[in-house]
Amino acid sequence: MNIIEELIKSNTNLTLAIKLKDLKVFADYLIEKTKSELEDIVVSEKAETYPTIKQVSEILNVNITTLWRWNKNGYLKTIEFGGGRRYKMSDVKALLQEDGFVKKRNRPE
């Protein structure tokens, strides 16, 4: 950890005389740290997840039989995953982003 960062975390009041070179080193350190944290967030958001049928029914606020029918009709397909059936979260998110999804949900099942 950088010395300046340690001083900031110690929450003490003090006045520093710092060389511009040291300030640049600290700024570069903060930029690299932030860049690394943002890259981790982007990578984790791109990682595919596979929610269960129950989880998807809760996310979409639909009955499990509706999900079964959607799978049968090809509207939202399941995949074989670890001996069970799951959905690709990217497919669920795509369905949620459809313009007509909310209107379809207001129809009786």
PDB file of N, CA and C in Angstrom:
ATOM      1  N   MET A   1       0.851  -1.174   0.000  1.00  0.00           N
ATOM      2  CA  MET A   1       0.000   0.000   0.000  1.00  0.00           C
ATOM      3  C   MET A   1       0.903   1.246   0.000  1.00  0.00           C
ATOM      4  N   ASN A   2       0.471   2.255  -0.631  1.00  0.00           N
ATOM      5  CA  ASN A   2       1.203   3.499  -0.747  1.00  0.00           C
ATOM      6  C   ASN A   2       1.176   4.245   0.592  1.00  0.00           C
ATOM      7  N   ILE A   3       2.276   4.942   0.923  1.00  0.00           N
ATOM      8  CA  ILE A   3       2.382   5.674   2.192  1.00  0.00           C
ATOM      9  C   ILE A   3       1.302   6.748   2.307  1.00  0.00           C
ATOM     10  N   ILE A   4       1.036   7.448   1.223  1.00  0.00           N
ATOM     11  CA  ILE A   4       0.009   8.502   1.254  1.00  0.00           C
ATOM     12  C   ILE A   4      -1.356   7.890   1.550  1.00  0.00           C
ATOM     13  N   GLU A   5      -1.626   6.747   0.940  1.00  0.00           N
ATOM     14  CA  GLU A   5      -2.903   6.073   1.185  1.00  0.00           C
ATOM     15  C   GLU A   5      -3.013   5.634   2.646  1.00  0.00           C
ATOM     16  N   GLU A   6      -1.905   5.179   3.235  1.00  0.00           N
ATOM     17  CA  GLU A   6      -1.908   4.797   4.648  1.00  0.00           C
ATOM     18  C   GLU A   6      -2.207   6.006   5.538  1.00  0.00           C
ATOM     19  N   LEU A   7      -1.625   7.147   5.194  1.00  0.00           N
ATOM     20  CA  LEU A   7      -1.888   8.369   5.971  1.00  0.00           C
ATOM     21  C   LEU A   7      -3.351   8.784   5.866  1.00  0.00           C
ATOM     22  N   ILE A   8      -3.922   8.659   4.683  1.00  0.00           N
ATOM     23  CA  ILE A   8      -5.331   9.010   4.484  1.00  0.00           C
ATOM     24  C   ILE A   8      -6.212   8.097   5.324  1.00  0.00           C
ATOM     25  N   LYS A   9      -5.903   6.800   5.339  1.00  0.00           N
ATOM     26  CA  LYS A   9      -6.714   5.850   6.109  1.00  0.00           C
ATOM     27  C   LYS A   9      -6.557   6.035   7.614  1.00  0.00           C
ATOM     28  N   SER A  10      -5.423   6.599   8.047  1.00  0.00           N
ATOM     29  CA  SER A  10      -5.218   6.794   9.488  1.00  0.00           C
ATOM     30  C   SER A  10      -6.088   7.926  10.028  1.00  0.00           C
ATOM     31  N   ASN A  11      -6.655   8.736   9.124  1.00  0.00           N
ATOM     32  CA  ASN A  11      -7.593   9.796   9.492  1.00  0.00           C
ATOM     33  C   ASN A  11      -6.984  10.830  10.445  1.00  0.00           C
ATOM     34  N   THR A  12      -5.707  11.113  10.248  1.00  0.00           N
ATOM     35  CA  THR A  12      -5.077  12.133  11.065  1.00  0.00           C
ATOM     36  C   THR A  12      -4.986  13.431  10.277  1.00  0.00           C
ATOM     37  N   ASN A  13      -5.034  14.546  10.973  1.00  0.00           N
ATOM     38  CA  ASN A  13      -4.873  15.857  10.340  1.00  0.00           C
ATOM     39  C   ASN A  13      -3.400  16.208  10.332  1.00  0.00           C
ATOM     40  N   LEU A  14      -2.851  16.423   9.171  1.00  0.00           N
ATOM     41  CA  LEU A  14      -1.482  16.869   9.077  1.00  0.00           C
ATOM     42  C   LEU A  14      -1.266  17.602   7.771  1.00  0.00           C
ATOM     43  N   THR A  15      -0.262  18.424   7.776  1.00  0.00           N
ATOM     44  CA  THR A  15       0.097  19.175   6.584  1.00  0.00           C
ATOM     45  C   THR A  15       1.362  18.555   6.027  1.00  0.00           C
ATOM     46  N   LEU A  16       1.344  18.293   4.731  1.00  0.00           N
ATOM     47  CA  LEU A  16       2.479  17.629   4.096  1.00  0.00           C
ATOM     48  C   LEU A  16       3.146  18.550   3.091  1.00  0.00           C
ATOM     49  N   ALA A  17       4.424  18.428   3.040  1.00  0.00           N
ATOM     50  CA  ALA A  17       5.175  19.021   1.930  1.00  0.00           C
ATOM     51  C   ALA A  17       5.600  17.830   1.082  1.00  0.00           C
ATOM     52  N   ILE A  18       5.116  17.802  -0.136  1.00  0.00           N
ATOM     53  CA  ILE A  18       5.355  16.628  -0.971  1.00  0.00           C
ATOM     54  C   ILE A  18       5.968  17.061  -2.300  1.00  0.00           C
ATOM     55  N   LYS A  19       6.889  16.267  -2.758  1.00  0.00           N
ATOM     56  CA  LYS A  19       7.517  16.563  -4.039  1.00  0.00           C
ATOM     57  C   LYS A  19       6.542  16.230  -5.158  1.00  0.00           C
ATOM     58  N   LEU A  20       6.587  16.984  -6.228  1.00  0.00           N
ATOM     59  CA  LEU A  20       5.704  16.738  -7.367  1.00  0.00           C
ATOM     60  C   LEU A  20       5.901  15.336  -7.932  1.00  0.00           C
ATOM     61  N   LYS A  21       7.134  14.870  -7.915  1.00  0.00           N
ATOM     62  CA  LYS A  21       7.419  13.520  -8.406  1.00  0.00           C
ATOM     63  C   LYS A  21       6.658  12.475  -7.579  1.00  0.00           C
ATOM     64  N   ASP A  22       6.658  12.645  -6.244  1.00  0.00           N
ATOM     65  CA  ASP A  22       5.941  11.714  -5.373  1.00  0.00           C
ATOM     66  C   ASP A  22       4.431  11.807  -5.580  1.00  0.00           C
ATOM     67  N   LEU A  23       3.939  13.028  -5.814  1.00  0.00           N
ATOM     68  CA  LEU A  23       2.519  13.213  -6.078  1.00  0.00           C
ATOM     69  C   LEU A  23       2.114  12.512  -7.373  1.00  0.00           C
ATOM     70  N   LYS A  24       2.983  12.593  -8.383  1.00  0.00           N
ATOM     71  CA  LYS A  24       2.716  11.915  -9.658  1.00  0.00           C
ATOM     72  C   LYS A  24       2.703  10.408  -9.460  1.00  0.00           C
ATOM     73  N   VAL A  25       3.639   9.894  -8.675  1.00  0.00           N
ATOM     74  CA  VAL A  25       3.673   8.450  -8.391  1.00  0.00           C
ATOM     75  C   VAL A  25       2.370   8.016  -7.729  1.00  0.00           C
ATOM     76  N   PHE A  26       1.883   8.807  -6.774  1.00  0.00           N
ATOM     77  CA  PHE A  26       0.628   8.481  -6.095  1.00  0.00           C
ATOM     78  C   PHE A  26      -0.557   8.543  -7.061  1.00  0.00           C
ATOM     79  N   ALA A  27      -0.575   9.572  -7.909  1.00  0.00           N
ATOM     80  CA  ALA A  27      -1.657   9.693  -8.887  1.00  0.00           C
ATOM     81  C   ALA A  27      -1.646   8.499  -9.838  1.00  0.00           C
ATOM     82  N   ASP A  28      -0.472   8.101 -10.300  1.00  0.00           N
ATOM     83  CA  ASP A  28      -0.365   6.929 -11.181  1.00  0.00           C
ATOM     84  C   ASP A  28      -0.837   5.667 -10.478  1.00  0.00           C
ATOM     85  N   TYR A  29      -0.493   5.550  -9.193  1.00  0.00           N
ATOM     86  CA  TYR A  29      -0.927   4.410  -8.399  1.00  0.00           C
ATOM     87  C   TYR A  29      -2.461   4.371  -8.314  1.00  0.00           C
ATOM     88  N   LEU A  30      -3.076   5.507  -8.028  1.00  0.00           N
ATOM     89  CA  LEU A  30      -4.539   5.570  -7.938  1.00  0.00           C
ATOM     90  C   LEU A  30      -5.199   5.232  -9.275  1.00  0.00           C
ATOM     91  N   ILE A  31      -4.615   5.722 -10.355  1.00  0.00           N
ATOM     92  CA  ILE A  31      -5.166   5.436 -11.686  1.00  0.00           C
ATOM     93  C   ILE A  31      -5.099   3.942 -11.974  1.00  0.00           C
ATOM     94  N   GLU A  32      -3.970   3.320 -11.710  1.00  0.00           N
ATOM     95  CA  GLU A  32      -3.820   1.881 -11.952  1.00  0.00           C
ATOM     96  C   GLU A  32      -4.762   1.060 -11.078  1.00  0.00           C
ATOM     97  N   LYS A  33      -4.897   1.471  -9.814  1.00  0.00           N
ATOM     98  CA  LYS A  33      -5.787   0.754  -8.892  1.00  0.00           C
ATOM     99  C   LYS A  33      -7.235   0.845  -9.371  1.00  0.00           C
ATOM    100  N   THR A  34      -7.660   2.037  -9.758  1.00  0.00           N
ATOM    101  CA  THR A  34      -9.024   2.238 -10.246  1.00  0.00           C
ATOM    102  C   THR A  34      -9.250   1.480 -11.542  1.00  0.00           C
ATOM    103  N   LYS A  35      -8.291   1.523 -12.433  1.00  0.00           N
ATOM    104  CA  LYS A  35      -8.388   0.803 -13.710  1.00  0.00           C
ATOM    105  C   LYS A  35      -8.550  -0.691 -13.464  1.00  0.00           C
ATOM    106  N   SER A  36      -7.774  -1.231 -12.550  1.00  0.00           N
ATOM    107  CA  SER A  36      -7.851  -2.654 -12.232  1.00  0.00           C
ATOM    108  C   SER A  36      -9.218  -3.020 -11.651  1.00  0.00           C
ATOM    109  N   GLU A  37      -9.731  -2.186 -10.749  1.00  0.00           N
ATOM    110  CA  GLU A  37     -11.048  -2.443 -10.153  1.00  0.00           C
ATOM    111  C   GLU A  37     -12.147  -2.398 -11.215  1.00  0.00           C
ATOM    112  N   LEU A  38     -12.075  -1.430 -12.122  1.00  0.00           N
ATOM    113  CA  LEU A  38     -13.077  -1.323 -13.186  1.00  0.00           C
ATOM    114  C   LEU A  38     -12.997  -2.498 -14.149  1.00  0.00           C
ATOM    115  N   GLU A  39     -11.788  -2.945 -14.462  1.00  0.00           N
ATOM    116  CA  GLU A  39     -11.638  -4.109 -15.343  1.00  0.00           C
ATOM    117  C   GLU A  39     -12.259  -5.341 -14.702  1.00  0.00           C
ATOM    118  N   ASP A  40     -12.070  -5.515 -13.387  1.00  0.00           N
ATOM    119  CA  ASP A  40     -12.673  -6.645 -12.679  1.00  0.00           C
ATOM    120  C   ASP A  40     -14.191  -6.594 -12.754  1.00  0.00           C
ATOM    121  N   ILE A  41     -14.761  -5.395 -12.624  1.00  0.00           N
ATOM    122  CA  ILE A  41     -16.212  -5.237 -12.696  1.00  0.00           C
ATOM    123  C   ILE A  41     -16.716  -5.582 -14.092  1.00  0.00           C
ATOM    124  N   VAL A  42     -16.036  -5.089 -15.110  1.00  0.00           N
ATOM    125  CA  VAL A  42     -16.453  -5.349 -16.492  1.00  0.00           C
ATOM    126  C   VAL A  42     -16.374  -6.837 -16.797  1.00  0.00           C
ATOM    127  N   VAL A  43     -15.302  -7.482 -16.384  1.00  0.00           N
ATOM    128  CA  VAL A  43     -15.139  -8.911 -16.643  1.00  0.00           C
ATOM    129  C   VAL A  43     -16.222  -9.711 -15.926  1.00  0.00           C
ATOM    130  N   SER A  44     -16.520  -9.349 -14.671  1.00  0.00           N
ATOM    131  CA  SER A  44     -17.535 -10.096 -13.927  1.00  0.00           C
ATOM    132  C   SER A  44     -18.928  -9.904 -14.528  1.00  0.00           C
ATOM    133  N   GLU A  45     -19.203  -8.725 -15.108  1.00  0.00           N
ATOM    134  CA  GLU A  45     -20.506  -8.498 -15.730  1.00  0.00           C
ATOM    135  C   GLU A  45     -20.634  -9.267 -17.037  1.00  0.00           C
ATOM    136  N   LYS A  46     -19.508  -9.515 -17.701  1.00  0.00           N
ATOM    137  CA  LYS A  46     -19.541 -10.261 -18.956  1.00  0.00           C
ATOM    138  C   LYS A  46     -19.603 -11.764 -18.721  1.00  0.00           C
ATOM    139  N   ALA A  47     -19.249 -12.204 -17.530  1.00  0.00           N
ATOM    140  CA  ALA A  47     -19.264 -13.627 -17.223  1.00  0.00           C
ATOM    141  C   ALA A  47     -20.712 -14.128 -17.231  1.00  0.00           C
ATOM    142  N   GLU A  48     -20.925 -15.222 -17.907  1.00  0.00           N
ATOM    143  CA  GLU A  48     -22.273 -15.800 -18.000  1.00  0.00           C
ATOM    144  C   GLU A  48     -22.619 -16.510 -16.704  1.00  0.00           C
ATOM    145  N   THR A  49     -23.851 -16.341 -16.253  1.00  0.00           N
ATOM    146  CA  THR A  49     -24.355 -17.074 -15.096  1.00  0.00           C
ATOM    147  C   THR A  49     -25.543 -17.916 -15.554  1.00  0.00           C
ATOM    148  N   TYR A  50     -25.883 -18.911 -14.752  1.00  0.00           N
ATOM    149  CA  TYR A  50     -26.922 -19.860 -15.134  1.00  0.00           C
ATOM    150  C   TYR A  50     -27.917 -20.044 -13.985  1.00  0.00           C
ATOM    151  N   PRO A  51     -28.908 -19.153 -13.898  1.00  0.00           N
ATOM    152  CA  PRO A  51     -29.891 -19.267 -12.811  1.00  0.00           C
ATOM    153  C   PRO A  51     -30.807 -20.481 -13.007  1.00  0.00           C
ATOM    154  N   THR A  52     -31.367 -20.935 -11.881  1.00  0.00           N
ATOM    155  CA  THR A  52     -32.287 -22.068 -11.900  1.00  0.00           C
ATOM    156  C   THR A  52     -33.650 -21.631 -12.447  1.00  0.00           C
ATOM    157  N   ILE A  53     -34.487 -22.619 -12.699  1.00  0.00           N
ATOM    158  CA  ILE A  53     -35.840 -22.332 -13.175  1.00  0.00           C
ATOM    159  C   ILE A  53     -36.595 -21.485 -12.154  1.00  0.00           C
ATOM    160  N   LYS A  54     -36.454 -21.835 -10.879  1.00  0.00           N
ATOM    161  CA  LYS A  54     -37.135 -21.068  -9.820  1.00  0.00           C
ATOM    162  C   LYS A  54     -36.640 -19.621  -9.793  1.00  0.00           C
ATOM    163  N   GLN A  55     -35.322 -19.423  -9.904  1.00  0.00           N
ATOM    164  CA  GLN A  55     -34.773 -18.069  -9.889  1.00  0.00           C
ATOM    165  C   GLN A  55     -35.290 -17.248 -11.066  1.00  0.00           C
ATOM    166  N   VAL A  56     -35.352 -17.870 -12.246  1.00  0.00           N
ATOM    167  CA  VAL A  56     -35.830 -17.153 -13.430  1.00  0.00           C
ATOM    168  C   VAL A  56     -37.311 -16.826 -13.289  1.00  0.00           C
ATOM    169  N   SER A  57     -38.085 -17.740 -12.717  1.00  0.00           N
ATOM    170  CA  SER A  57     -39.511 -17.456 -12.538  1.00  0.00           C
ATOM    171  C   SER A  57     -39.700 -16.255 -11.603  1.00  0.00           C
ATOM    172  N   GLU A  58     -38.818 -16.122 -10.602  1.00  0.00           N
ATOM    173  CA  GLU A  58     -38.903 -14.978  -9.695  1.00  0.00           C
ATOM    174  C   GLU A  58     -38.431 -13.695 -10.381  1.00  0.00           C
ATOM    175  N   ILE A  59     -37.363 -13.794 -11.169  1.00  0.00           N
ATOM    176  CA  ILE A  59     -36.840 -12.621 -11.876  1.00  0.00           C
ATOM    177  C   ILE A  59     -37.882 -12.068 -12.842  1.00  0.00           C
ATOM    178  N   LEU A  60     -38.511 -12.977 -13.596  1.00  0.00           N
ATOM    179  CA  LEU A  60     -39.475 -12.561 -14.617  1.00  0.00           C
ATOM    180  C   LEU A  60     -40.894 -12.434 -14.077  1.00  0.00           C
ATOM    181  N   ASN A  61     -41.094 -12.869 -12.841  1.00  0.00           N
ATOM    182  CA  ASN A  61     -42.409 -12.832 -12.216  1.00  0.00           C
ATOM    183  C   ASN A  61     -43.434 -13.621 -13.030  1.00  0.00           C
ATOM    184  N   VAL A  62     -43.038 -14.844 -13.397  1.00  0.00           N
ATOM    185  CA  VAL A  62     -43.938 -15.744 -14.121  1.00  0.00           C
ATOM    186  C   VAL A  62     -43.960 -17.087 -13.408  1.00  0.00           C
ATOM    187  N   ASN A  63     -44.975 -17.872 -13.698  1.00  0.00           N
ATOM    188  CA  ASN A  63     -45.116 -19.203 -13.149  1.00  0.00           C
ATOM    189  C   ASN A  63     -44.142 -20.156 -13.834  1.00  0.00           C
ATOM    190  N   ILE A  64     -43.750 -21.205 -13.121  1.00  0.00           N
ATOM    191  CA  ILE A  64     -42.830 -22.196 -13.685  1.00  0.00           C
ATOM    192  C   ILE A  64     -43.442 -22.868 -14.914  1.00  0.00           C
ATOM    193  N   THR A  65     -44.759 -23.048 -14.931  1.00  0.00           N
ATOM    194  CA  THR A  65     -45.396 -23.656 -16.108  1.00  0.00           C
ATOM    195  C   THR A  65     -45.290 -22.735 -17.325  1.00  0.00           C
ATOM    196  N   THR A  66     -45.273 -21.440 -17.085  1.00  0.00           N
ATOM    197  CA  THR A  66     -45.072 -20.495 -18.192  1.00  0.00           C
ATOM    198  C   THR A  66     -43.680 -20.668 -18.771  1.00  0.00           C
ATOM    199  N   LEU A  67     -42.689 -20.827 -17.898  1.00  0.00           N
ATOM    200  CA  LEU A  67     -41.319 -21.059 -18.377  1.00  0.00           C
ATOM    201  C   LEU A  67     -41.229 -22.358 -19.171  1.00  0.00           C
ATOM    202  N   TRP A  68     -41.920 -23.390 -18.694  1.00  0.00           N
ATOM    203  CA  TRP A  68     -41.929 -24.662 -19.423  1.00  0.00           C
ATOM    204  C   TRP A  68     -42.512 -24.465 -20.825  1.00  0.00           C
ATOM    205  N   ARG A  69     -43.625 -23.717 -20.906  1.00  0.00           N
ATOM    206  CA  ARG A  69     -44.260 -23.454 -22.199  1.00  0.00           C
ATOM    207  C   ARG A  69     -43.344 -22.611 -23.095  1.00  0.00           C
ATOM    208  N   TRP A  70     -42.707 -21.604 -22.532  1.00  0.00           N
ATOM    209  CA  TRP A  70     -41.792 -20.773 -23.312  1.00  0.00           C
ATOM    210  C   TRP A  70     -40.629 -21.604 -23.846  1.00  0.00           C
ATOM    211  N   ASN A  71     -40.143 -22.537 -23.039  1.00  0.00           N
ATOM    212  CA  ASN A  71     -39.061 -23.408 -23.496  1.00  0.00           C
ATOM    213  C   ASN A  71     -39.551 -24.290 -24.645  1.00  0.00           C
ATOM    214  N   LYS A  72     -40.737 -24.857 -24.497  1.00  0.00           N
ATOM    215  CA  LYS A  72     -41.314 -25.722 -25.531  1.00  0.00           C
ATOM    216  C   LYS A  72     -41.520 -24.962 -26.841  1.00  0.00           C
ATOM    217  N   ASN A  73     -41.923 -23.679 -26.743  1.00  0.00           N
ATOM    218  CA  ASN A  73     -42.180 -22.871 -27.937  1.00  0.00           C
ATOM    219  C   ASN A  73     -40.926 -22.158 -28.462  1.00  0.00           C
ATOM    220  N   GLY A  74     -39.799 -22.289 -27.729  1.00  0.00           N
ATOM    221  CA  GLY A  74     -38.555 -21.665 -28.172  1.00  0.00           C
ATOM    222  C   GLY A  74     -38.419 -20.206 -27.795  1.00  0.00           C
ATOM    223  N   TYR A  75     -39.324 -19.691 -26.987  1.00  0.00           N
ATOM    224  CA  TYR A  75     -39.295 -18.281 -26.582  1.00  0.00           C
ATOM    225  C   TYR A  75     -38.144 -18.008 -25.611  1.00  0.00           C
ATOM    226  N   LEU A  76     -37.938 -18.914 -24.662  1.00  0.00           N
ATOM    227  CA  LEU A  76     -36.832 -18.829 -23.709  1.00  0.00           C
ATOM    228  C   LEU A  76     -36.377 -20.253 -23.419  1.00  0.00           C
ATOM    229  N   LYS A  77     -35.254 -20.643 -24.039  1.00  0.00           N
ATOM    230  CA  LYS A  77     -34.799 -22.033 -23.985  1.00  0.00           C
ATOM    231  C   LYS A  77     -33.954 -22.315 -22.746  1.00  0.00           C
ATOM    232  N   THR A  78     -34.122 -23.520 -22.213  1.00  0.00           N
ATOM    233  CA  THR A  78     -33.266 -23.991 -21.129  1.00  0.00           C
ATOM    234  C   THR A  78     -32.048 -24.681 -21.730  1.00  0.00           C
ATOM    235  N   ILE A  79     -31.050 -24.882 -20.883  1.00  0.00           N
ATOM    236  CA  ILE A  79     -29.874 -25.655 -21.284  1.00  0.00           C
ATOM    237  C   ILE A  79     -29.625 -26.713 -20.224  1.00  0.00           C
ATOM    238  N   GLU A  80     -28.992 -27.819 -20.631  1.00  0.00           N
ATOM    239  CA  GLU A  80     -28.590 -28.847 -19.680  1.00  0.00           C
ATOM    240  C   GLU A  80     -27.369 -28.325 -18.946  1.00  0.00           C
ATOM    241  N   PHE A  81     -27.423 -28.357 -17.624  1.00  0.00           N
ATOM    242  CA  PHE A  81     -26.334 -27.787 -16.845  1.00  0.00           C
ATOM    243  C   PHE A  81     -26.188 -28.574 -15.554  1.00  0.00           C
ATOM    244  N   GLY A  82     -25.112 -29.323 -15.422  1.00  0.00           N
ATOM    245  CA  GLY A  82     -24.849 -30.059 -14.183  1.00  0.00           C
ATOM    246  C   GLY A  82     -25.943 -31.035 -13.815  1.00  0.00           C
ATOM    247  N   GLY A  83     -26.512 -31.712 -14.803  1.00  0.00           N
ATOM    248  CA  GLY A  83     -27.545 -32.697 -14.534  1.00  0.00           C
ATOM    249  C   GLY A  83     -28.934 -32.103 -14.364  1.00  0.00           C
ATOM    250  N   GLY A  84     -29.084 -30.824 -14.545  1.00  0.00           N
ATOM    251  CA  GLY A  84     -30.391 -30.184 -14.417  1.00  0.00           C
ATOM    252  C   GLY A  84     -30.604 -29.198 -15.550  1.00  0.00           C
ATOM    253  N   ARG A  85     -31.687 -28.491 -15.472  1.00  0.00           N
ATOM    254  CA  ARG A  85     -31.992 -27.488 -16.491  1.00  0.00           C
ATOM    255  C   ARG A  85     -31.814 -26.101 -15.888  1.00  0.00           C
ATOM    256  N   ARG A  86     -31.164 -25.260 -16.663  1.00  0.00           N
ATOM    257  CA  ARG A  86     -30.947 -23.876 -16.249  1.00  0.00           C
ATOM    258  C   ARG A  86     -31.140 -22.971 -17.453  1.00  0.00           C
ATOM    259  N   TYR A  87     -31.110 -21.691 -17.186  1.00  0.00           N
ATOM    260  CA  TYR A  87     -31.210 -20.688 -18.244  1.00  0.00           C
ATOM    261  C   TYR A  87     -29.908 -19.905 -18.311  1.00  0.00           C
ATOM    262  N   LYS A  88     -29.634 -19.355 -19.474  1.00  0.00           N
ATOM    263  CA  LYS A  88     -28.513 -18.427 -19.602  1.00  0.00           C
ATOM    264  C   LYS A  88     -29.021 -17.059 -19.171  1.00  0.00           C
ATOM    265  N   MET A  89     -28.324 -16.430 -18.234  1.00  0.00           N
ATOM    266  CA  MET A  89     -28.756 -15.130 -17.733  1.00  0.00           C
ATOM    267  C   MET A  89     -28.786 -14.094 -18.848  1.00  0.00           C
ATOM    268  N   SER A  90     -27.908 -14.231 -19.829  1.00  0.00           N
ATOM    269  CA  SER A  90     -27.913 -13.288 -20.951  1.00  0.00           C
ATOM    270  C   SER A  90     -29.229 -13.382 -21.723  1.00  0.00           C
ATOM    271  N   ASP A  91     -29.802 -14.600 -21.834  1.00  0.00           N
ATOM    272  CA  ASP A  91     -31.097 -14.759 -22.498  1.00  0.00           C
ATOM    273  C   ASP A  91     -32.217 -14.112 -21.679  1.00  0.00           C
ATOM    274  N   VAL A  92     -32.147 -14.280 -20.352  1.00  0.00           N
ATOM    275  CA  VAL A  92     -33.159 -13.688 -19.469  1.00  0.00           C
ATOM    276  C   VAL A  92     -33.099 -12.160 -19.555  1.00  0.00           C
ATOM    277  N   LYS A  93     -31.870 -11.614 -19.519  1.00  0.00           N
ATOM    278  CA  LYS A  93     -31.716 -10.154 -19.615  1.00  0.00           C
ATOM    279  C   LYS A  93     -32.217  -9.643 -20.955  1.00  0.00           C
ATOM    280  N   ALA A  94     -31.939 -10.378 -22.032  1.00  0.00           N
ATOM    281  CA  ALA A  94     -32.409  -9.966 -23.356  1.00  0.00           C
ATOM    282  C   ALA A  94     -33.930  -9.932 -23.392  1.00  0.00           C
ATOM    283  N   LEU A  95     -34.559 -10.917 -22.768  1.00  0.00           N
ATOM    284  CA  LEU A  95     -36.018 -10.956 -22.716  1.00  0.00           C
ATOM    285  C   LEU A  95     -36.565  -9.761 -21.935  1.00  0.00           C
ATOM    286  N   LEU A  96     -35.911  -9.421 -20.830  1.00  0.00           N
ATOM    287  CA  LEU A  96     -36.353  -8.284 -20.026  1.00  0.00           C
ATOM    288  C   LEU A  96     -36.222  -6.960 -20.782  1.00  0.00           C
ATOM    289  N   GLN A  97     -35.279  -6.890 -21.702  1.00  0.00           N
ATOM    290  CA  GLN A  97     -35.052  -5.656 -22.437  1.00  0.00           C
ATOM    291  C   GLN A  97     -35.953  -5.509 -23.652  1.00  0.00           C
ATOM    292  N   GLU A  98     -36.686  -6.550 -23.994  1.00  0.00           N
ATOM    293  CA  GLU A  98     -37.624  -6.451 -25.116  1.00  0.00           C
ATOM    294  C   GLU A  98     -38.699  -5.418 -24.787  1.00  0.00           C
ATOM    295  N   ASP A  99     -39.042  -4.611 -25.773  1.00  0.00           N
ATOM    296  CA  ASP A  99     -40.058  -3.573 -25.568  1.00  0.00           C
ATOM    297  C   ASP A  99     -41.403  -4.153 -25.166  1.00  0.00           C
ATOM    298  N   GLY A 100     -41.785  -5.245 -25.786  1.00  0.00           N
ATOM    299  CA  GLY A 100     -43.111  -5.793 -25.551  1.00  0.00           C
ATOM    300  C   GLY A 100     -43.219  -6.698 -24.349  1.00  0.00           C
ATOM    301  N   PHE A 101     -42.123  -6.959 -23.637  1.00  0.00           N
ATOM    302  CA  PHE A 101     -42.184  -7.922 -22.536  1.00  0.00           C
ATOM    303  C   PHE A 101     -43.155  -7.494 -21.452  1.00  0.00           C
ATOM    304  N   VAL A 102     -43.139  -6.241 -21.064  1.00  0.00           N
ATOM    305  CA  VAL A 102     -44.050  -5.773 -20.011  1.00  0.00           C
ATOM    306  C   VAL A 102     -45.489  -5.883 -20.488  1.00  0.00           C
ATOM    307  N   LYS A 103     -45.750  -5.536 -21.751  1.00  0.00           N
ATOM    308  CA  LYS A 103     -47.107  -5.638 -22.285  1.00  0.00           C
ATOM    309  C   LYS A 103     -47.566  -7.089 -22.311  1.00  0.00           C
ATOM    310  N   LYS A 104     -46.655  -7.999 -22.698  1.00  0.00           N
ATOM    311  CA  LYS A 104     -47.002  -9.428 -22.709  1.00  0.00           C
ATOM    312  C   LYS A 104     -47.317  -9.919 -21.312  1.00  0.00           C
ATOM    313  N   ARG A 105     -46.598  -9.418 -20.318  1.00  0.00           N
ATOM    314  CA  ARG A 105     -46.791  -9.859 -18.951  1.00  0.00           C
ATOM    315  C   ARG A 105     -48.147  -9.427 -18.401  1.00  0.00           C
ATOM    316  N   ASN A 106     -48.733  -8.378 -18.976  1.00  0.00           N
ATOM    317  CA  ASN A 106     -50.029  -7.901 -18.491  1.00  0.00           C
ATOM    318  C   ASN A 106     -51.191  -8.739 -19.041  1.00  0.00           C
ATOM    319  N   ARG A 107     -50.895  -9.601 -20.031  1.00  0.00           N
ATOM    320  CA  ARG A 107     -51.931 -10.505 -20.530  1.00  0.00           C
ATOM    321  C   ARG A 107     -52.109 -11.657 -19.565  1.00  0.00           C
ATOM    322  N   PRO A 108     -53.296 -12.232 -19.466  1.00  0.00           N
ATOM    323  CA  PRO A 108     -53.466 -13.418 -18.640  1.00  0.00           C
ATOM    324  C   PRO A 108     -52.708 -14.583 -19.236  1.00  0.00           C
ATOM    325  N   GLU A 109     -52.129 -15.434 -18.377  1.00  0.00           N
ATOM    326  CA  GLU A 109     -51.327 -16.575 -18.860  1.00  0.00           C
ATOM    327  C   GLU A 109     -52.194 -17.700 -19.339  1.00  0.00           C
TER     328      GLU A 109
END
